[in-house]
Amino acid sequence: MSMECNNCGSKNHEWLWKNLEKQSARHSTQPVDVLICRDCGLVFLDTSKTTPTQLEAYYTTSNTFEVPGPLPQGHRAMREGQIDWVFSHLPADASVRTALDVGCGAGFNCHLLKQRGLEVMGFDYSPAMIRNLKDLYGIDGMQGSFSAARISRSVDLVISTLVLEHMLDPTQVLKDMHQVISEGGFLFLEVPDTEFARWDMIVDHIAFDHLWHWSERTLGNMLERNGFEVLAAQHVMNPPDSGNPEAGLRVLACRRAGIFERRYALNGYAPQKEALLKYKEQHNKFLQTFQSQIDRIVSVVGKEPIAIFCGGEHTATLLQRFNLSLLDVRTIFDND
């Protein structure tokens, strides 16, 4: 493999498996090979043929998680939990007056920060999301690819939830965040938790459009390499109505300019590989069981017409991954 690990720069990769090559109207090609770095444990897709232009075009028009407008209650509850967690873990003497949300989406986290009295700005690829941020919440935003060069002043807090895993170069993103955050300021991230990947879903967990996949150890290692000291970390399981019903990893870190104690220097390869192989075994068994359930439905309903209630990418995966040929599917209800 010619790719360098985005965390440690190593080319010492191990190929783990190839994902289902999903058919999708959103993207004609996608990386499917899952790799792990033997020298640090970072898990990633082979993006050697993926370009920044392709990703920017995709995210400018597509968001599989949110649409402009008010969020459903379940989504709101998850976002409220994220912001509450940040402020409950800040040091007692922290002074946080300004904030930037990188990948702000529909802007609800910006809204929550504004309610706490912070001066807030959002950043997102999507012009529709930035318009919604201004129209619905009265908050200014910037559209396009995030970089420190586009931010005119430092901020006390940067948040980025369920975003870093979509970036083609997350290390560069962290470097830019480090430049934007004032000395002693804070960074909050939430990413999908590869240490506890959910296996009881029909979609692949380690799959596009997530390019990078972290455990607490590998995310902590990447943060420390880029000048952030981890203050707190938490593994969470987001509820079914959150719009992101998967395991999440939350981290609050402080920007440091000098030397600090590193807690995540150990190689995470062995425990991460073990966790992933266990996930893959359980997921394969789940998929077999799911097909058995479809076969039982066939035995009960016969040729009676049926409807499928599904959602988003899960619909395409359902139709492609399983044999539904003996069912008379008349209607598919989808939220996308």
Protein backbone atom coordinates (compact mmCIF):
# COMPACT_ATOMS: atom_id res chain seq x y z
CA MET A 1 0.00 0.00 0.00
CA SER A 2 1.41 3.43 -0.93
CA MET A 3 -0.70 5.45 1.50
CA GLU A 4 0.93 6.94 4.58
CA CYS A 5 -0.82 6.66 7.93
CA ASN A 6 -2.37 10.06 8.61
CA ASN A 7 -1.35 9.83 12.25
CA CYS A 8 2.22 8.51 12.39
CA GLY A 9 3.30 8.64 8.72
CA SER A 10 4.03 4.91 8.50
CA LYS A 11 3.40 2.85 5.37
CA ASN A 12 3.33 -0.35 7.43
CA HIS A 13 -0.34 -1.20 6.88
CA GLU A 14 -2.33 -4.40 7.17
CA TRP A 15 -5.33 -5.09 4.93
CA LEU A 16 -8.28 -6.34 7.00
CA TRP A 17 -11.22 -6.76 4.61
CA LYS A 18 -13.18 -5.24 1.73
CA ASN A 19 -16.56 -3.67 2.41
CA LEU A 20 -19.73 -4.08 0.38
CA GLU A 21 -19.44 -1.78 -2.64
CA LYS A 22 -22.72 0.04 -2.17
CA GLN A 23 -24.70 1.46 -5.05
CA SER A 24 -25.62 5.06 -4.31
CA ALA A 25 -26.98 8.09 -6.12
CA ARG A 26 -24.80 10.27 -3.91
CA HIS A 27 -21.38 8.94 -4.91
CA SER A 28 -20.39 6.88 -7.94
CA THR A 29 -17.14 5.58 -6.45
CA GLN A 30 -16.09 4.97 -2.86
CA PRO A 31 -13.13 3.48 -0.98
CA VAL A 32 -13.92 -0.04 0.26
CA ASP A 33 -10.63 -1.55 1.50
CA VAL A 34 -10.20 -1.41 5.29
CA LEU A 35 -6.62 -0.98 6.54
CA ILE A 36 -4.94 -0.73 9.95
CA CYS A 37 -1.57 0.85 10.72
CA ARG A 38 0.70 -1.62 12.47
CA ASP A 39 2.77 1.20 14.00
CA CYS A 40 0.01 3.16 15.79
CA GLY A 41 -3.31 1.30 15.33
CA LEU A 42 -5.20 3.90 13.26
CA VAL A 43 -7.91 2.29 11.11
CA PHE A 44 -8.75 3.82 7.75
CA LEU A 45 -10.07 3.21 4.26
CA ASP A 46 -7.75 3.17 1.28
CA THR A 47 -8.32 6.73 0.02
CA SER A 48 -5.37 6.71 -2.39
CA LYS A 49 -7.78 7.39 -5.27
CA THR A 50 -10.00 9.88 -3.40
CA THR A 51 -9.37 13.57 -4.10
CA PRO A 52 -10.23 16.72 -2.11
CA THR A 53 -12.27 17.95 -5.08
CA GLN A 54 -14.44 14.82 -5.02
CA LEU A 55 -15.12 15.13 -1.31
CA GLU A 56 -15.83 18.85 -1.44
CA ALA A 57 -18.29 18.36 -4.31
CA TYR A 58 -19.99 15.54 -2.38
CA TYR A 59 -20.37 17.38 0.93
CA THR A 60 -21.39 20.64 -0.72
CA THR A 61 -24.57 18.92 -1.95
CA SER A 62 -25.04 15.89 0.36
CA ASN A 63 -25.47 15.45 4.10
CA THR A 64 -26.63 12.00 5.14
CA PHE A 65 -27.27 13.08 8.72
CA GLU A 66 -29.10 16.41 8.68
CA VAL A 67 -31.22 18.64 6.49
CA PRO A 68 -31.57 22.42 6.85
CA GLY A 69 -34.25 23.39 9.36
CA PRO A 70 -35.21 22.54 12.94
CA LEU A 71 -33.85 19.21 14.18
CA PRO A 72 -36.07 16.31 15.27
CA GLN A 73 -36.32 15.97 19.05
CA GLY A 74 -34.06 12.92 19.18
CA HIS A 75 -31.33 14.77 17.29
CA ARG A 76 -31.74 17.76 19.60
CA ALA A 77 -31.35 15.61 22.71
CA MET A 78 -28.07 14.15 21.45
CA ARG A 79 -26.71 17.61 20.61
CA GLU A 80 -27.78 18.98 23.99
CA GLY A 81 -25.99 16.07 25.65
CA GLN A 82 -22.80 16.87 23.73
CA ILE A 83 -22.73 20.52 24.79
CA ASP A 84 -23.70 19.72 28.39
CA TRP A 85 -20.82 17.21 28.51
CA VAL A 86 -18.32 19.81 27.29
CA PHE A 87 -19.24 22.38 29.94
CA SER A 88 -19.39 19.79 32.72
CA HIS A 89 -15.77 18.78 31.96
CA LEU A 90 -14.18 22.19 31.48
CA PRO A 91 -11.77 23.21 34.25
CA ALA A 92 -13.37 25.35 36.96
CA ASP A 93 -11.22 28.36 36.01
CA ALA A 94 -11.85 28.07 32.24
CA SER A 95 -12.83 31.27 30.45
CA VAL A 96 -14.79 30.43 27.30
CA ARG A 97 -16.36 33.38 25.50
CA THR A 98 -15.92 32.57 21.80
CA ALA A 99 -16.49 29.36 19.85
CA LEU A 100 -16.25 27.89 16.36
CA ASP A 101 -18.18 24.83 15.16
CA VAL A 102 -16.32 23.07 12.34
CA GLY A 103 -18.83 21.09 10.30
CA CYS A 104 -21.76 22.83 11.97
CA GLY A 105 -24.45 21.20 9.82
CA ALA A 106 -27.89 22.65 10.51
CA GLY A 107 -26.40 24.77 13.29
CA PHE A 108 -28.11 23.48 16.41
CA ASN A 109 -24.87 23.18 18.41
CA CYS A 110 -24.03 26.78 17.47
CA HIS A 111 -27.48 27.73 18.75
CA LEU A 112 -26.84 25.95 22.07
CA LEU A 113 -23.51 27.71 22.50
CA LYS A 114 -25.13 31.06 21.72
CA GLN A 115 -27.74 30.35 24.40
CA ARG A 116 -24.88 29.98 26.90
CA GLY A 117 -23.73 33.49 26.05
CA LEU A 118 -20.86 32.64 23.68
CA GLU A 119 -20.02 34.50 20.51
CA VAL A 120 -20.27 31.74 17.90
CA MET A 121 -19.47 31.11 14.27
CA GLY A 122 -20.11 28.02 12.14
CA PHE A 123 -18.19 26.41 9.29
CA ASP A 124 -19.65 23.92 6.81
CA TYR A 125 -19.18 22.67 3.24
CA SER A 126 -22.89 23.08 2.48
CA PRO A 127 -24.24 26.48 1.39
CA ALA A 128 -27.73 25.34 2.46
CA MET A 129 -26.51 24.64 5.99
CA ILE A 130 -24.81 28.04 6.29
CA ARG A 131 -27.98 29.79 5.06
CA ASN A 132 -30.00 27.85 7.63
CA LEU A 133 -27.53 28.85 10.38
CA LYS A 134 -28.14 32.53 9.61
CA ASP A 135 -31.87 32.36 8.85
CA LEU A 136 -32.95 30.11 11.73
CA TYR A 137 -30.48 31.02 14.48
CA GLY A 138 -29.08 34.42 13.47
CA ILE A 139 -25.50 33.12 13.52
CA ASP A 140 -22.86 33.88 10.89
CA GLY A 141 -21.02 31.10 9.16
CA MET A 142 -18.44 30.38 6.49
CA GLN A 143 -19.02 27.97 3.62
CA GLY A 144 -16.38 25.70 2.15
CA SER A 145 -13.29 23.84 3.27
CA PHE A 146 -12.07 24.68 6.79
CA SER A 147 -8.58 26.12 7.24
CA ALA A 148 -6.96 28.39 9.81
CA ALA A 149 -6.11 30.88 7.04
CA ARG A 150 -9.81 31.67 6.68
CA ILE A 151 -10.30 32.55 10.36
CA SER A 152 -9.33 36.12 11.25
CA ARG A 153 -8.98 35.70 15.02
CA SER A 154 -8.51 33.04 17.67
CA VAL A 155 -11.36 31.45 19.64
CA ASP A 156 -11.57 29.89 23.10
CA LEU A 157 -13.37 26.72 22.00
CA VAL A 158 -13.59 24.71 18.79
CA ILE A 159 -16.16 21.94 18.55
CA SER A 160 -16.49 19.38 15.77
CA THR A 161 -18.98 16.57 16.19
CA LEU A 162 -19.14 13.60 13.82
CA VAL A 163 -17.02 15.46 11.29
CA LEU A 164 -13.32 14.57 11.61
CA GLU A 165 -13.89 11.05 10.26
CA HIS A 166 -15.12 12.58 6.97
CA MET A 167 -12.00 14.68 6.36
CA LEU A 168 -9.41 13.54 3.85
CA ASP A 169 -6.55 14.86 6.05
CA PRO A 170 -7.62 14.92 9.72
CA THR A 171 -4.09 15.67 10.95
CA GLN A 172 -4.05 18.89 8.90
CA VAL A 173 -7.49 19.75 10.26
CA LEU A 174 -6.17 19.36 13.82
CA LYS A 175 -3.16 21.53 12.99
CA ASP A 176 -5.51 24.23 11.67
CA MET A 177 -7.67 23.93 14.77
CA HIS A 178 -4.57 24.32 16.93
CA GLN A 179 -3.76 27.58 15.13
CA VAL A 180 -7.31 28.89 15.59
CA ILE A 181 -7.65 28.08 19.31
CA SER A 182 -6.17 30.55 21.80
CA GLU A 183 -3.41 29.30 24.12
CA GLY A 184 -5.06 27.29 26.90
CA GLY A 185 -8.28 27.08 24.87
CA PHE A 186 -10.24 23.90 24.24
CA LEU A 187 -11.23 21.42 21.53
CA PHE A 188 -14.25 19.11 21.71
CA LEU A 189 -14.56 16.20 19.30
CA GLU A 190 -17.05 13.40 18.92
CA VAL A 191 -16.27 10.63 16.42
CA PRO A 192 -17.69 7.12 15.83
CA ASP A 193 -16.14 4.73 18.36
CA THR A 194 -14.27 1.96 16.54
CA GLU A 195 -13.28 0.37 19.84
CA PHE A 196 -16.93 -0.62 20.35
CA ALA A 197 -18.27 -0.74 16.79
CA ARG A 198 -21.94 -1.76 16.52
CA TRP A 199 -22.35 -5.08 14.76
CA ASP A 200 -26.17 -5.36 14.94
CA MET A 201 -26.89 -3.13 11.92
CA ILE A 202 -27.15 -4.06 8.25
CA VAL A 203 -24.66 -1.38 7.19
CA ASP A 204 -20.90 -1.72 7.65
CA HIS A 205 -19.51 0.34 10.54
CA ILE A 206 -16.01 0.77 9.10
CA ALA A 207 -17.21 2.20 5.79
CA PHE A 208 -17.55 5.29 3.60
CA ASP A 209 -18.39 8.05 4.09
CA HIS A 210 -16.25 7.68 7.23
CA LEU A 211 -12.65 7.58 6.04
CA TRP A 212 -10.88 7.31 9.42
CA HIS A 213 -11.79 5.25 12.47
CA TRP A 214 -10.46 5.82 15.98
CA SER A 215 -10.30 4.16 19.34
CA GLU A 216 -9.69 6.30 22.42
CA ARG A 217 -6.00 5.38 22.23
CA THR A 218 -5.51 6.28 18.57
CA LEU A 219 -7.53 9.52 18.76
CA GLY A 220 -5.69 10.52 21.93
CA ASN A 221 -2.38 9.76 20.21
CA MET A 222 -3.29 11.90 17.19
CA LEU A 223 -4.38 14.79 19.40
CA GLU A 224 -1.19 14.67 21.45
CA ARG A 225 0.98 14.63 18.31
CA ASN A 226 -0.75 17.86 17.26
CA GLY A 227 -0.40 19.82 20.50
CA PHE A 228 -3.56 18.88 22.42
CA GLU A 229 -3.65 17.46 25.94
CA VAL A 230 -6.65 15.21 26.52
CA LEU A 231 -8.59 16.31 29.60
CA ALA A 232 -11.54 13.91 29.41
CA ALA A 233 -12.84 11.08 27.22
CA GLN A 234 -16.11 9.17 27.26
CA HIS A 235 -17.56 6.23 25.33
CA VAL A 236 -21.28 6.72 24.64
CA MET A 237 -24.02 4.77 22.87
CA ASN A 238 -26.30 7.17 21.04
CA PRO A 239 -30.02 6.27 21.19
CA PRO A 240 -32.01 5.00 18.17
CA ASP A 241 -33.80 8.32 17.56
CA SER A 242 -30.59 10.41 17.59
CA GLY A 243 -30.00 10.08 13.85
CA ASN A 244 -26.67 8.49 14.72
CA PRO A 245 -27.53 5.30 16.63
CA GLU A 246 -23.96 4.11 17.01
CA ALA A 247 -21.19 4.11 19.58
CA GLY A 248 -19.55 7.50 19.94
CA LEU A 249 -16.26 8.67 21.42
CA ARG A 250 -16.21 12.11 23.04
CA VAL A 251 -12.96 13.90 23.84
CA LEU A 252 -12.25 17.27 25.43
CA ALA A 253 -8.69 18.52 24.94
CA CYS A 254 -6.71 21.63 25.81
CA ARG A 255 -4.42 23.43 23.36
CA ARG A 256 -0.81 23.37 24.55
CA ALA A 257 2.16 25.25 23.10
CA GLY A 258 4.93 23.55 25.07
CA ILE A 259 5.76 20.15 26.55
CA PHE A 260 3.01 18.26 28.37
CA GLU A 261 2.52 14.75 29.71
CA ARG A 262 1.41 12.29 27.01
CA ARG A 263 -1.07 9.62 28.09
CA TYR A 264 -1.66 7.97 24.71
CA ALA A 265 1.83 7.22 23.39
CA LEU A 266 1.46 3.42 23.27
CA ASN A 267 0.80 1.62 19.97
CA GLY A 268 -2.91 0.82 19.70
CA TYR A 269 -2.54 -1.78 16.92
CA ALA A 270 -3.03 -5.02 18.89
CA PRO A 271 -6.16 -4.11 20.90
CA GLN A 272 -7.75 -2.32 17.92
CA LYS A 273 -7.22 -5.25 15.55
CA GLU A 274 -8.61 -7.67 18.13
CA ALA A 275 -11.72 -5.50 18.59
CA LEU A 276 -12.27 -5.21 14.83
CA LEU A 277 -11.94 -8.91 14.11
CA LYS A 278 -14.48 -9.60 16.86
CA TYR A 279 -16.80 -6.97 15.37
CA LYS A 280 -16.47 -8.49 11.89
CA GLU A 281 -17.29 -11.99 13.14
CA GLN A 282 -20.37 -10.75 15.01
CA HIS A 283 -21.51 -8.62 12.08
CA ASN A 284 -21.28 -11.51 9.62
CA LYS A 285 -23.39 -13.67 11.96
CA PHE A 286 -25.93 -10.87 12.29
CA LEU A 287 -26.25 -10.55 8.50
CA GLN A 288 -26.88 -14.29 8.20
CA THR A 289 -29.57 -14.09 10.87
CA PHE A 290 -31.16 -11.11 9.14
CA GLN A 291 -31.47 -13.04 5.88
CA SER A 292 -33.09 -15.88 7.84
CA GLN A 293 -35.65 -13.42 9.17
CA ILE A 294 -36.44 -12.29 5.62
CA ASP A 295 -36.90 -15.94 4.61
CA ARG A 296 -39.33 -16.43 7.49
CA ILE A 297 -41.34 -13.41 6.32
CA VAL A 298 -41.54 -15.00 2.87
CA SER A 299 -42.93 -18.20 4.40
CA VAL A 300 -45.66 -16.22 6.21
CA VAL A 301 -46.80 -13.61 3.65
CA GLY A 302 -46.19 -15.56 0.45
CA LYS A 303 -47.04 -13.38 -2.55
CA GLU A 304 -49.01 -10.77 -0.61
CA PRO A 305 -47.84 -7.22 -1.43
CA ILE A 306 -45.62 -5.66 1.22
CA ALA A 307 -44.08 -2.26 2.02
CA ILE A 308 -40.62 -1.57 3.41
CA PHE A 309 -39.98 1.19 5.94
CA CYS A 310 -36.31 2.05 5.99
CA GLY A 311 -34.02 5.06 5.87
CA GLY A 312 -31.31 6.64 3.78
CA GLU A 313 -28.25 4.56 3.00
CA HIS A 314 -29.80 1.65 4.92
CA THR A 315 -32.39 1.26 2.17
CA ALA A 316 -29.78 0.83 -0.56
CA THR A 317 -27.85 -1.60 1.64
CA LEU A 318 -30.97 -3.64 2.40
CA LEU A 319 -31.83 -4.00 -1.28
CA GLN A 320 -28.27 -4.82 -2.33
CA ARG A 321 -27.13 -7.03 0.54
CA PHE A 322 -30.13 -9.35 0.96
CA ASN A 323 -32.25 -11.58 -1.26
CA LEU A 324 -35.74 -10.06 -1.44
CA SER A 325 -36.65 -11.64 -4.78
CA LEU A 326 -39.42 -13.83 -3.31
CA LEU A 327 -41.20 -10.84 -1.74
CA ASP A 328 -43.72 -8.73 -3.65
CA VAL A 329 -42.36 -5.33 -2.62
CA ARG A 330 -44.83 -2.68 -3.81
CA THR A 331 -43.73 0.40 -1.85
CA ILE A 332 -40.59 1.64 -0.09
CA PHE A 333 -40.99 4.45 2.43
CA ASP A 334 -37.74 6.35 2.88
CA ASN A 335 -36.75 9.55 4.68
CA ASP A 336 -34.34 10.62 1.93
